[in-house]
Amino acid sequence: MGSGTHRDHPPAGGANPRSGYIPIAISKYGKNPKLAQQFIDFVTGSEGQAICAKYSDFADPESAFKWIGAVKPVGGEYVVPKEWLNRRATVDPKKVVKP
């Protein structure tokens, strides 16, 4: 919801508002910064946060943990099957389609 650059002057308190774990900001290249600010105010306000929570987009880890019921492990390790390690992709140059 907010991959643009933040404003020249950060919001009060120095923290950028977030939608879920994604920072939300006004792009300095936007054509309507007032409307963008209204959108941020809506998304970060109680009504917007209720909508986000309805679709499991939480503003902070504590809200997510409360919904999940506990802290769950994230990440891990993926082991590539040994039989994949010796495979080599081959390309027949005669069958390559040129644009």
PDB file of N, CA and C in Angstrom:
ATOM      1  N   MET A   1       0.783  -1.191   0.000  1.00  0.00           N
ATOM      2  CA  MET A   1       0.000   0.000   0.000  1.00  0.00           C
ATOM      3  C   MET A   1       0.827   1.257   0.000  1.00  0.00           C
ATOM      4  N   GLY A   2       2.114   1.188   0.130  1.00  0.00           N
ATOM      5  CA  GLY A   2       2.847   2.425   0.170  1.00  0.00           C
ATOM      6  C   GLY A   2       4.294   2.246  -0.153  1.00  0.00           C
ATOM      7  N   SER A   3       4.625   1.998  -1.382  1.00  0.00           N
ATOM      8  CA  SER A   3       6.022   1.792  -1.716  1.00  0.00           C
ATOM      9  C   SER A   3       6.677   3.075  -2.178  1.00  0.00           C
ATOM     10  N   GLY A   4       5.963   4.211  -2.118  1.00  0.00           N
ATOM     11  CA  GLY A   4       6.542   5.474  -2.551  1.00  0.00           C
ATOM     12  C   GLY A   4       7.523   6.009  -1.531  1.00  0.00           C
ATOM     13  N   THR A   5       8.215   7.056  -1.896  1.00  0.00           N
ATOM     14  CA  THR A   5       9.160   7.674  -0.983  1.00  0.00           C
ATOM     15  C   THR A   5       8.390   8.511   0.025  1.00  0.00           C
ATOM     16  N   HIS A   6       8.990   8.709   1.203  1.00  0.00           N
ATOM     17  CA  HIS A   6       8.273   9.500   2.193  1.00  0.00           C
ATOM     18  C   HIS A   6       8.454  10.980   1.928  1.00  0.00           C
ATOM     19  N   ARG A   7       7.615  11.750   2.569  1.00  0.00           N
ATOM     20  CA  ARG A   7       7.613  13.194   2.381  1.00  0.00           C
ATOM     21  C   ARG A   7       8.928  13.800   2.821  1.00  0.00           C
ATOM     22  N   ASP A   8       9.150  15.057   2.423  1.00  0.00           N
ATOM     23  CA  ASP A   8      10.354  15.771   2.824  1.00  0.00           C
ATOM     24  C   ASP A   8      10.429  15.930   4.340  1.00  0.00           C
ATOM     25  N   HIS A   9       9.274  16.037   4.996  1.00  0.00           N
ATOM     26  CA  HIS A   9       9.220  16.175   6.441  1.00  0.00           C
ATOM     27  C   HIS A   9       8.481  14.975   7.005  1.00  0.00           C
ATOM     28  N   PRO A  10       9.174  14.127   7.793  1.00  0.00           N
ATOM     29  CA  PRO A  10       8.499  12.949   8.347  1.00  0.00           C
ATOM     30  C   PRO A  10       7.369  13.345   9.288  1.00  0.00           C
ATOM     31  N   PRO A  11       6.404  12.444   9.480  1.00  0.00           N
ATOM     32  CA  PRO A  11       5.285  12.725  10.373  1.00  0.00           C
ATOM     33  C   PRO A  11       5.754  12.987  11.800  1.00  0.00           C
ATOM     34  N   ALA A  12       4.903  13.594  12.594  1.00  0.00           N
ATOM     35  CA  ALA A  12       5.222  13.858  13.995  1.00  0.00           C
ATOM     36  C   ALA A  12       5.643  12.574  14.681  1.00  0.00           C
ATOM     37  N   GLY A  13       6.625  12.656  15.528  1.00  0.00           N
ATOM     38  CA  GLY A  13       7.115  11.478  16.232  1.00  0.00           C
ATOM     39  C   GLY A  13       8.221  10.779  15.470  1.00  0.00           C
ATOM     40  N   GLY A  14       8.453  11.155  14.217  1.00  0.00           N
ATOM     41  CA  GLY A  14       9.557  10.609  13.450  1.00  0.00           C
ATOM     42  C   GLY A  14       9.309   9.251  12.821  1.00  0.00           C
ATOM     43  N   ALA A  15       8.199   8.604  13.119  1.00  0.00           N
ATOM     44  CA  ALA A  15       7.935   7.275  12.559  1.00  0.00           C
ATOM     45  C   ALA A  15       7.012   7.399  11.360  1.00  0.00           C
ATOM     46  N   ASN A  16       7.291   6.628  10.330  1.00  0.00           N
ATOM     47  CA  ASN A  16       6.390   6.601   9.180  1.00  0.00           C
ATOM     48  C   ASN A  16       5.209   5.704   9.497  1.00  0.00           C
ATOM     49  N   PRO A  17       3.991   6.108   9.108  1.00  0.00           N
ATOM     50  CA  PRO A  17       2.840   5.233   9.338  1.00  0.00           C
ATOM     51  C   PRO A  17       2.975   3.954   8.531  1.00  0.00           C
ATOM     52  N   ARG A  18       2.320   2.906   8.998  1.00  0.00           N
ATOM     53  CA  ARG A  18       2.427   1.609   8.344  1.00  0.00           C
ATOM     54  C   ARG A  18       1.037   1.053   8.079  1.00  0.00           C
ATOM     55  N   SER A  19       0.971   0.267   7.020  1.00  0.00           N
ATOM     56  CA  SER A  19      -0.200  -0.540   6.754  1.00  0.00           C
ATOM     57  C   SER A  19       0.294  -1.972   6.818  1.00  0.00           C
ATOM     58  N   GLY A  20      -0.056  -2.681   7.862  1.00  0.00           N
ATOM     59  CA  GLY A  20       0.551  -3.985   8.082  1.00  0.00           C
ATOM     60  C   GLY A  20       2.014  -3.748   8.394  1.00  0.00           C
ATOM     61  N   TYR A  21       2.888  -4.503   7.764  1.00  0.00           N
ATOM     62  CA  TYR A  21       4.319  -4.329   7.980  1.00  0.00           C
ATOM     63  C   TYR A  21       4.937  -3.428   6.914  1.00  0.00           C
ATOM     64  N   ILE A  22       4.111  -2.841   6.057  1.00  0.00           N
ATOM     65  CA  ILE A  22       4.605  -2.048   4.939  1.00  0.00           C
ATOM     66  C   ILE A  22       4.483  -0.565   5.279  1.00  0.00           C
ATOM     67  N   PRO A  23       5.583   0.188   5.191  1.00  0.00           N
ATOM     68  CA  PRO A  23       5.456   1.629   5.407  1.00  0.00           C
ATOM     69  C   PRO A  23       4.534   2.244   4.354  1.00  0.00           C
ATOM     70  N   ILE A  24       3.746   3.195   4.749  1.00  0.00           N
ATOM     71  CA  ILE A  24       2.849   3.882   3.826  1.00  0.00           C
ATOM     72  C   ILE A  24       3.255   5.351   3.844  1.00  0.00           C
ATOM     73  N   ALA A  25       3.398   5.941   2.663  1.00  0.00           N
ATOM     74  CA  ALA A  25       3.906   7.309   2.590  1.00  0.00           C
ATOM     75  C   ALA A  25       3.374   8.016   1.356  1.00  0.00           C
ATOM     76  N   ILE A  26       3.638   9.295   1.299  1.00  0.00           N
ATOM     77  CA  ILE A  26       3.252  10.111   0.155  1.00  0.00           C
ATOM     78  C   ILE A  26       4.473  10.268  -0.740  1.00  0.00           C
ATOM     79  N   SER A  27       4.327   9.902  -1.983  1.00  0.00           N
ATOM     80  CA  SER A  27       5.417  10.060  -2.932  1.00  0.00           C
ATOM     81  C   SER A  27       5.621  11.536  -3.237  1.00  0.00           C
ATOM     82  N   LYS A  28       6.857  11.954  -3.297  1.00  0.00           N
ATOM     83  CA  LYS A  28       7.105  13.364  -3.629  1.00  0.00           C
ATOM     84  C   LYS A  28       6.769  13.652  -5.089  1.00  0.00           C
ATOM     85  N   TYR A  29       6.541  12.605  -5.879  1.00  0.00           N
ATOM     86  CA  TYR A  29       6.173  12.776  -7.283  1.00  0.00           C
ATOM     87  C   TYR A  29       4.660  12.697  -7.508  1.00  0.00           C
ATOM     88  N   GLY A  30       3.899  12.495  -6.456  1.00  0.00           N
ATOM     89  CA  GLY A  30       2.452  12.382  -6.580  1.00  0.00           C
ATOM     90  C   GLY A  30       1.816  13.694  -7.016  1.00  0.00           C
ATOM     91  N   LYS A  31       0.701  13.586  -7.692  1.00  0.00           N
ATOM     92  CA  LYS A  31       0.012  14.770  -8.199  1.00  0.00           C
ATOM     93  C   LYS A  31      -0.975  15.354  -7.200  1.00  0.00           C
ATOM     94  N   ASN A  32      -1.351  14.570  -6.156  1.00  0.00           N
ATOM     95  CA  ASN A  32      -2.345  15.059  -5.222  1.00  0.00           C
ATOM     96  C   ASN A  32      -1.960  14.658  -3.794  1.00  0.00           C
ATOM     97  N   PRO A  33      -0.985  15.358  -3.206  1.00  0.00           N
ATOM     98  CA  PRO A  33      -0.529  14.980  -1.866  1.00  0.00           C
ATOM     99  C   PRO A  33      -1.607  15.104  -0.791  1.00  0.00           C
ATOM    100  N   LYS A  34      -2.549  16.029  -0.951  1.00  0.00           N
ATOM    101  CA  LYS A  34      -3.628  16.157   0.045  1.00  0.00           C
ATOM    102  C   LYS A  34      -4.517  14.919   0.045  1.00  0.00           C
ATOM    103  N   LEU A  35      -4.848  14.423  -1.137  1.00  0.00           N
ATOM    104  CA  LEU A  35      -5.663  13.213  -1.237  1.00  0.00           C
ATOM    105  C   LEU A  35      -4.880  12.001  -0.713  1.00  0.00           C
ATOM    106  N   ALA A  36      -3.587  11.969  -1.014  1.00  0.00           N
ATOM    107  CA  ALA A  36      -2.751  10.877  -0.498  1.00  0.00           C
ATOM    108  C   ALA A  36      -2.734  10.892   1.024  1.00  0.00           C
ATOM    109  N   GLN A  37      -2.635  12.074   1.619  1.00  0.00           N
ATOM    110  CA  GLN A  37      -2.651  12.174   3.080  1.00  0.00           C
ATOM    111  C   GLN A  37      -3.992  11.735   3.640  1.00  0.00           C
ATOM    112  N   GLN A  38      -5.086  12.079   2.956  1.00  0.00           N
ATOM    113  CA  GLN A  38      -6.410  11.629   3.401  1.00  0.00           C
ATOM    114  C   GLN A  38      -6.490  10.103   3.384  1.00  0.00           C
ATOM    115  N   PHE A  39      -5.904   9.485   2.343  1.00  0.00           N
ATOM    116  CA  PHE A  39      -5.896   8.026   2.253  1.00  0.00           C
ATOM    117  C   PHE A  39      -5.094   7.430   3.412  1.00  0.00           C
ATOM    118  N   ILE A  40      -3.913   7.985   3.684  1.00  0.00           N
ATOM    119  CA  ILE A  40      -3.092   7.495   4.796  1.00  0.00           C
ATOM    120  C   ILE A  40      -3.854   7.648   6.114  1.00  0.00           C
ATOM    121  N   ASP A  41      -4.497   8.801   6.297  1.00  0.00           N
ATOM    122  CA  ASP A  41      -5.265   9.017   7.526  1.00  0.00           C
ATOM    123  C   ASP A  41      -6.384   7.982   7.659  1.00  0.00           C
ATOM    124  N   PHE A  42      -7.034   7.643   6.542  1.00  0.00           N
ATOM    125  CA  PHE A  42      -8.097   6.643   6.574  1.00  0.00           C
ATOM    126  C   PHE A  42      -7.529   5.262   6.911  1.00  0.00           C
ATOM    127  N   VAL A  43      -6.475   4.861   6.193  1.00  0.00           N
ATOM    128  CA  VAL A  43      -5.905   3.521   6.386  1.00  0.00           C
ATOM    129  C   VAL A  43      -5.367   3.341   7.798  1.00  0.00           C
ATOM    130  N   THR A  44      -4.753   4.371   8.347  1.00  0.00           N
ATOM    131  CA  THR A  44      -4.169   4.254   9.683  1.00  0.00           C
ATOM    132  C   THR A  44      -5.162   4.584  10.793  1.00  0.00           C
ATOM    133  N   GLY A  45      -6.353   5.060  10.426  1.00  0.00           N
ATOM    134  CA  GLY A  45      -7.390   5.358  11.410  1.00  0.00           C
ATOM    135  C   GLY A  45      -8.138   4.101  11.835  1.00  0.00           C
ATOM    136  N   SER A  46      -9.069   4.260  12.759  1.00  0.00           N
ATOM    137  CA  SER A  46      -9.776   3.105  13.322  1.00  0.00           C
ATOM    138  C   SER A  46     -10.587   2.354  12.270  1.00  0.00           C
ATOM    139  N   GLU A  47     -11.256   3.066  11.358  1.00  0.00           N
ATOM    140  CA  GLU A  47     -12.054   2.381  10.334  1.00  0.00           C
ATOM    141  C   GLU A  47     -11.155   1.610   9.362  1.00  0.00           C
ATOM    142  N   GLY A  48     -10.098   2.246   8.920  1.00  0.00           N
ATOM    143  CA  GLY A  48      -9.177   1.575   7.998  1.00  0.00           C
ATOM    144  C   GLY A  48      -8.499   0.379   8.641  1.00  0.00           C
ATOM    145  N   GLN A  49      -8.091   0.526   9.908  1.00  0.00           N
ATOM    146  CA  GLN A  49      -7.446  -0.586  10.606  1.00  0.00           C
ATOM    147  C   GLN A  49      -8.417  -1.747  10.823  1.00  0.00           C
ATOM    148  N   ALA A  50      -9.695  -1.445  11.032  1.00  0.00           N
ATOM    149  CA  ALA A  50     -10.701  -2.510  11.177  1.00  0.00           C
ATOM    150  C   ALA A  50     -10.843  -3.277   9.862  1.00  0.00           C
ATOM    151  N   ILE A  51     -10.829  -2.549   8.743  1.00  0.00           N
ATOM    152  CA  ILE A  51     -10.911  -3.213   7.432  1.00  0.00           C
ATOM    153  C   ILE A  51      -9.674  -4.069   7.204  1.00  0.00           C
ATOM    154  N   CYS A  52      -8.502  -3.523   7.508  1.00  0.00           N
ATOM    155  CA  CYS A  52      -7.259  -4.290   7.343  1.00  0.00           C
ATOM    156  C   CYS A  52      -7.276  -5.547   8.210  1.00  0.00           C
ATOM    157  N   ALA A  53      -7.711  -5.412   9.459  1.00  0.00           N
ATOM    158  CA  ALA A  53      -7.762  -6.561  10.373  1.00  0.00           C
ATOM    159  C   ALA A  53      -8.732  -7.624   9.872  1.00  0.00           C
ATOM    160  N   LYS A  54      -9.840  -7.183   9.264  1.00  0.00           N
ATOM    161  CA  LYS A  54     -10.821  -8.131   8.722  1.00  0.00           C
ATOM    162  C   LYS A  54     -10.177  -9.064   7.701  1.00  0.00           C
ATOM    163  N   TYR A  55      -9.188  -8.545   6.967  1.00  0.00           N
ATOM    164  CA  TYR A  55      -8.511  -9.338   5.939  1.00  0.00           C
ATOM    165  C   TYR A  55      -7.108  -9.771   6.383  1.00  0.00           C
ATOM    166  N   SER A  56      -6.907  -9.812   7.701  1.00  0.00           N
ATOM    167  CA  SER A  56      -5.670 -10.288   8.318  1.00  0.00           C
ATOM    168  C   SER A  56      -4.437  -9.482   7.914  1.00  0.00           C
ATOM    169  N   ASP A  57      -4.602  -8.195   7.752  1.00  0.00           N
ATOM    170  CA  ASP A  57      -3.474  -7.292   7.506  1.00  0.00           C
ATOM    171  C   ASP A  57      -3.336  -6.464   8.773  1.00  0.00           C
ATOM    172  N   PHE A  58      -2.398  -6.854   9.638  1.00  0.00           N
ATOM    173  CA  PHE A  58      -2.302  -6.259  10.964  1.00  0.00           C
ATOM    174  C   PHE A  58      -1.268  -5.149  11.012  1.00  0.00           C
ATOM    175  N   ALA A  59      -1.530  -4.147  11.859  1.00  0.00           N
ATOM    176  CA  ALA A  59      -0.664  -2.977  11.967  1.00  0.00           C
ATOM    177  C   ALA A  59       0.589  -3.242  12.788  1.00  0.00           C
ATOM    178  N   ASP A  60       0.560  -4.273  13.625  1.00  0.00           N
ATOM    179  CA  ASP A  60       1.716  -4.528  14.480  1.00  0.00           C
ATOM    180  C   ASP A  60       1.781  -6.016  14.803  1.00  0.00           C
ATOM    181  N   PRO A  61       2.966  -6.471  15.211  1.00  0.00           N
ATOM    182  CA  PRO A  61       3.115  -7.908  15.521  1.00  0.00           C
ATOM    183  C   PRO A  61       2.184  -8.385  16.631  1.00  0.00           C
ATOM    184  N   GLU A  62       1.927  -7.534  17.624  1.00  0.00           N
ATOM    185  CA  GLU A  62       1.066  -7.948  18.734  1.00  0.00           C
ATOM    186  C   GLU A  62      -0.340  -8.306  18.250  1.00  0.00           C
ATOM    187  N   SER A  63      -0.884  -7.529  17.313  1.00  0.00           N
ATOM    188  CA  SER A  63      -2.213  -7.822  16.767  1.00  0.00           C
ATOM    189  C   SER A  63      -2.203  -9.142  16.009  1.00  0.00           C
ATOM    190  N   ALA A  64      -1.139  -9.385  15.261  1.00  0.00           N
ATOM    191  CA  ALA A  64      -1.029 -10.637  14.512  1.00  0.00           C
ATOM    192  C   ALA A  64      -0.922 -11.825  15.474  1.00  0.00           C
ATOM    193  N   PHE A  65      -0.104 -11.688  16.520  1.00  0.00           N
ATOM    194  CA  PHE A  65       0.045 -12.779  17.488  1.00  0.00           C
ATOM    195  C   PHE A  65      -1.272 -13.069  18.189  1.00  0.00           C
ATOM    196  N   LYS A  66      -2.022 -12.008  18.513  1.00  0.00           N
ATOM    197  CA  LYS A  66      -3.317 -12.194  19.165  1.00  0.00           C
ATOM    198  C   LYS A  66      -4.259 -12.987  18.262  1.00  0.00           C
ATOM    199  N   TRP A  67      -4.264 -12.665  16.968  1.00  0.00           N
ATOM    200  CA  TRP A  67      -5.141 -13.350  16.018  1.00  0.00           C
ATOM    201  C   TRP A  67      -4.697 -14.802  15.806  1.00  0.00           C
ATOM    202  N   ILE A  68      -3.382 -15.019  15.690  1.00  0.00           N
ATOM    203  CA  ILE A  68      -2.853 -16.366  15.461  1.00  0.00           C
ATOM    204  C   ILE A  68      -2.991 -17.223  16.714  1.00  0.00           C
ATOM    205  N   GLY A  69      -2.827 -16.602  17.871  1.00  0.00           N
ATOM    206  CA  GLY A  69      -2.946 -17.347  19.116  1.00  0.00           C
ATOM    207  C   GLY A  69      -1.611 -17.637  19.770  1.00  0.00           C
ATOM    208  N   ALA A  70      -0.522 -17.389  19.081  1.00  0.00           N
ATOM    209  CA  ALA A  70       0.801 -17.626  19.645  1.00  0.00           C
ATOM    210  C   ALA A  70       1.845 -17.152  18.649  1.00  0.00           C
ATOM    211  N   VAL A  71       3.061 -17.060  19.131  1.00  0.00           N
ATOM    212  CA  VAL A  71       4.172 -16.737  18.235  1.00  0.00           C
ATOM    213  C   VAL A  71       4.515 -18.015  17.477  1.00  0.00           C
ATOM    214  N   LYS A  72       4.526 -17.955  16.168  1.00  0.00           N
ATOM    215  CA  LYS A  72       4.829 -19.120  15.335  1.00  0.00           C
ATOM    216  C   LYS A  72       6.190 -18.939  14.679  1.00  0.00           C
ATOM    217  N   PRO A  73       6.923 -20.019  14.495  1.00  0.00           N
ATOM    218  CA  PRO A  73       8.216 -19.892  13.815  1.00  0.00           C
ATOM    219  C   PRO A  73       8.019 -19.508  12.350  1.00  0.00           C
ATOM    220  N   VAL A  74       8.917 -18.702  11.848  1.00  0.00           N
ATOM    221  CA  VAL A  74       8.871 -18.263  10.463  1.00  0.00           C
ATOM    222  C   VAL A  74      10.202 -18.605   9.828  1.00  0.00           C
ATOM    223  N   GLY A  75      10.151 -19.001   8.569  1.00  0.00           N
ATOM    224  CA  GLY A  75      11.396 -19.297   7.863  1.00  0.00           C
ATOM    225  C   GLY A  75      11.750 -20.756   7.974  1.00  0.00           C
ATOM    226  N   GLY A  76      12.988 -21.035   7.819  1.00  0.00           N
ATOM    227  CA  GLY A  76      13.453 -22.408   7.881  1.00  0.00           C
ATOM    228  C   GLY A  76      14.445 -22.655   6.765  1.00  0.00           C
ATOM    229  N   GLU A  77      14.641 -23.892   6.489  1.00  0.00           N
ATOM    230  CA  GLU A  77      15.631 -24.266   5.495  1.00  0.00           C
ATOM    231  C   GLU A  77      14.990 -25.208   4.493  1.00  0.00           C
ATOM    232  N   TYR A  78      15.274 -24.984   3.232  1.00  0.00           N
ATOM    233  CA  TYR A  78      14.790 -25.869   2.183  1.00  0.00           C
ATOM    234  C   TYR A  78      15.977 -26.644   1.646  1.00  0.00           C
ATOM    235  N   VAL A  79      15.854 -27.954   1.631  1.00  0.00           N
ATOM    236  CA  VAL A  79      16.924 -28.802   1.123  1.00  0.00           C
ATOM    237  C   VAL A  79      16.556 -29.235  -0.293  1.00  0.00           C
ATOM    238  N   VAL A  80      17.447 -28.940  -1.218  1.00  0.00           N
ATOM    239  CA  VAL A  80      17.234 -29.329  -2.611  1.00  0.00           C
ATOM    240  C   VAL A  80      17.449 -30.840  -2.716  1.00  0.00           C
ATOM    241  N   PRO A  81      16.508 -31.553  -3.333  1.00  0.00           N
ATOM    242  CA  PRO A  81      16.690 -33.004  -3.499  1.00  0.00           C
ATOM    243  C   PRO A  81      17.991 -33.307  -4.246  1.00  0.00           C
ATOM    244  N   LYS A  82      18.710 -34.304  -3.776  1.00  0.00           N
ATOM    245  CA  LYS A  82      20.016 -34.650  -4.368  1.00  0.00           C
ATOM    246  C   LYS A  82      19.917 -34.941  -5.855  1.00  0.00           C
ATOM    247  N   GLU A  83      18.812 -35.581  -6.288  1.00  0.00           N
ATOM    248  CA  GLU A  83      18.687 -35.921  -7.708  1.00  0.00           C
ATOM    249  C   GLU A  83      18.565 -34.673  -8.594  1.00  0.00           C
ATOM    250  N   TRP A  84      18.254 -33.531  -8.018  1.00  0.00           N
ATOM    251  CA  TRP A  84      18.168 -32.298  -8.798  1.00  0.00           C
ATOM    252  C   TRP A  84      19.546 -31.684  -9.035  1.00  0.00           C
ATOM    253  N   LEU A  85      20.492 -31.991  -8.184  1.00  0.00           N
ATOM    254  CA  LEU A  85      21.785 -31.320  -8.232  1.00  0.00           C
ATOM    255  C   LEU A  85      22.588 -31.610  -9.492  1.00  0.00           C
ATOM    256  N   ASN A  86      22.408 -32.753 -10.100  1.00  0.00           N
ATOM    257  CA  ASN A  86      23.187 -33.100 -11.290  1.00  0.00           C
ATOM    258  C   ASN A  86      22.455 -32.804 -12.590  1.00  0.00           C
ATOM    259  N   ARG A  87      21.259 -32.268 -12.497  1.00  0.00           N
ATOM    260  CA  ARG A  87      20.513 -31.940 -13.719  1.00  0.00           C
ATOM    261  C   ARG A  87      21.075 -30.680 -14.340  1.00  0.00           C
ATOM    262  N   ARG A  88      21.148 -30.687 -15.621  1.00  0.00           N
ATOM    263  CA  ARG A  88      21.620 -29.515 -16.349  1.00  0.00           C
ATOM    264  C   ARG A  88      20.612 -29.225 -17.450  1.00  0.00           C
ATOM    265  N   ALA A  89      20.207 -27.981 -17.529  1.00  0.00           N
ATOM    266  CA  ALA A  89      19.306 -27.592 -18.602  1.00  0.00           C
ATOM    267  C   ALA A  89      20.128 -27.409 -19.870  1.00  0.00           C
ATOM    268  N   THR A  90      19.629 -27.947 -20.953  1.00  0.00           N
ATOM    269  CA  THR A  90      20.323 -27.771 -22.223  1.00  0.00           C
ATOM    270  C   THR A  90      19.384 -27.079 -23.195  1.00  0.00           C
ATOM    271  N   VAL A  91      19.948 -26.249 -24.019  1.00  0.00           N
ATOM    272  CA  VAL A  91      19.176 -25.515 -25.006  1.00  0.00           C
ATOM    273  C   VAL A  91      19.755 -25.825 -26.370  1.00  0.00           C
ATOM    274  N   ASP A  92      18.882 -26.210 -27.275  1.00  0.00           N
ATOM    275  CA  ASP A  92      19.297 -26.453 -28.656  1.00  0.00           C
ATOM    276  C   ASP A  92      19.214 -25.117 -29.383  1.00  0.00           C
ATOM    277  N   PRO A  93      20.369 -24.534 -29.790  1.00  0.00           N
ATOM    278  CA  PRO A  93      20.346 -23.226 -30.436  1.00  0.00           C
ATOM    279  C   PRO A  93      19.526 -23.201 -31.721  1.00  0.00           C
ATOM    280  N   LYS A  94      19.319 -24.341 -32.344  1.00  0.00           N
ATOM    281  CA  LYS A  94      18.533 -24.391 -33.567  1.00  0.00           C
ATOM    282  C   LYS A  94      17.040 -24.225 -33.282  1.00  0.00           C
ATOM    283  N   LYS A  95      16.628 -24.467 -32.024  1.00  0.00           N
ATOM    284  CA  LYS A  95      15.221 -24.386 -31.665  1.00  0.00           C
ATOM    285  C   LYS A  95      14.874 -23.090 -30.943  1.00  0.00           C
ATOM    286  N   VAL A  96      15.844 -22.234 -30.743  1.00  0.00           N
ATOM    287  CA  VAL A  96      15.592 -20.969 -30.074  1.00  0.00           C
ATOM    288  C   VAL A  96      14.821 -20.048 -31.007  1.00  0.00           C
ATOM    289  N   VAL A  97      13.733 -19.508 -30.507  1.00  0.00           N
ATOM    290  CA  VAL A  97      12.901 -18.615 -31.305  1.00  0.00           C
ATOM    291  C   VAL A  97      13.394 -17.179 -31.058  1.00  0.00           C
ATOM    292  N   LYS A  98      13.738 -16.505 -32.143  1.00  0.00           N
ATOM    293  CA  LYS A  98      14.197 -15.127 -32.014  1.00  0.00           C
ATOM    294  C   LYS A  98      13.029 -14.191 -32.298  1.00  0.00           C
ATOM    295  N   PRO A  99      12.942 -13.118 -31.512  1.00  0.00           N
ATOM    296  CA  PRO A  99      11.830 -12.171 -31.713  1.00  0.00           C
ATOM    297  C   PRO A  99      11.928 -11.408 -33.018  1.00  0.00           C
TER     298      PRO A  99
END
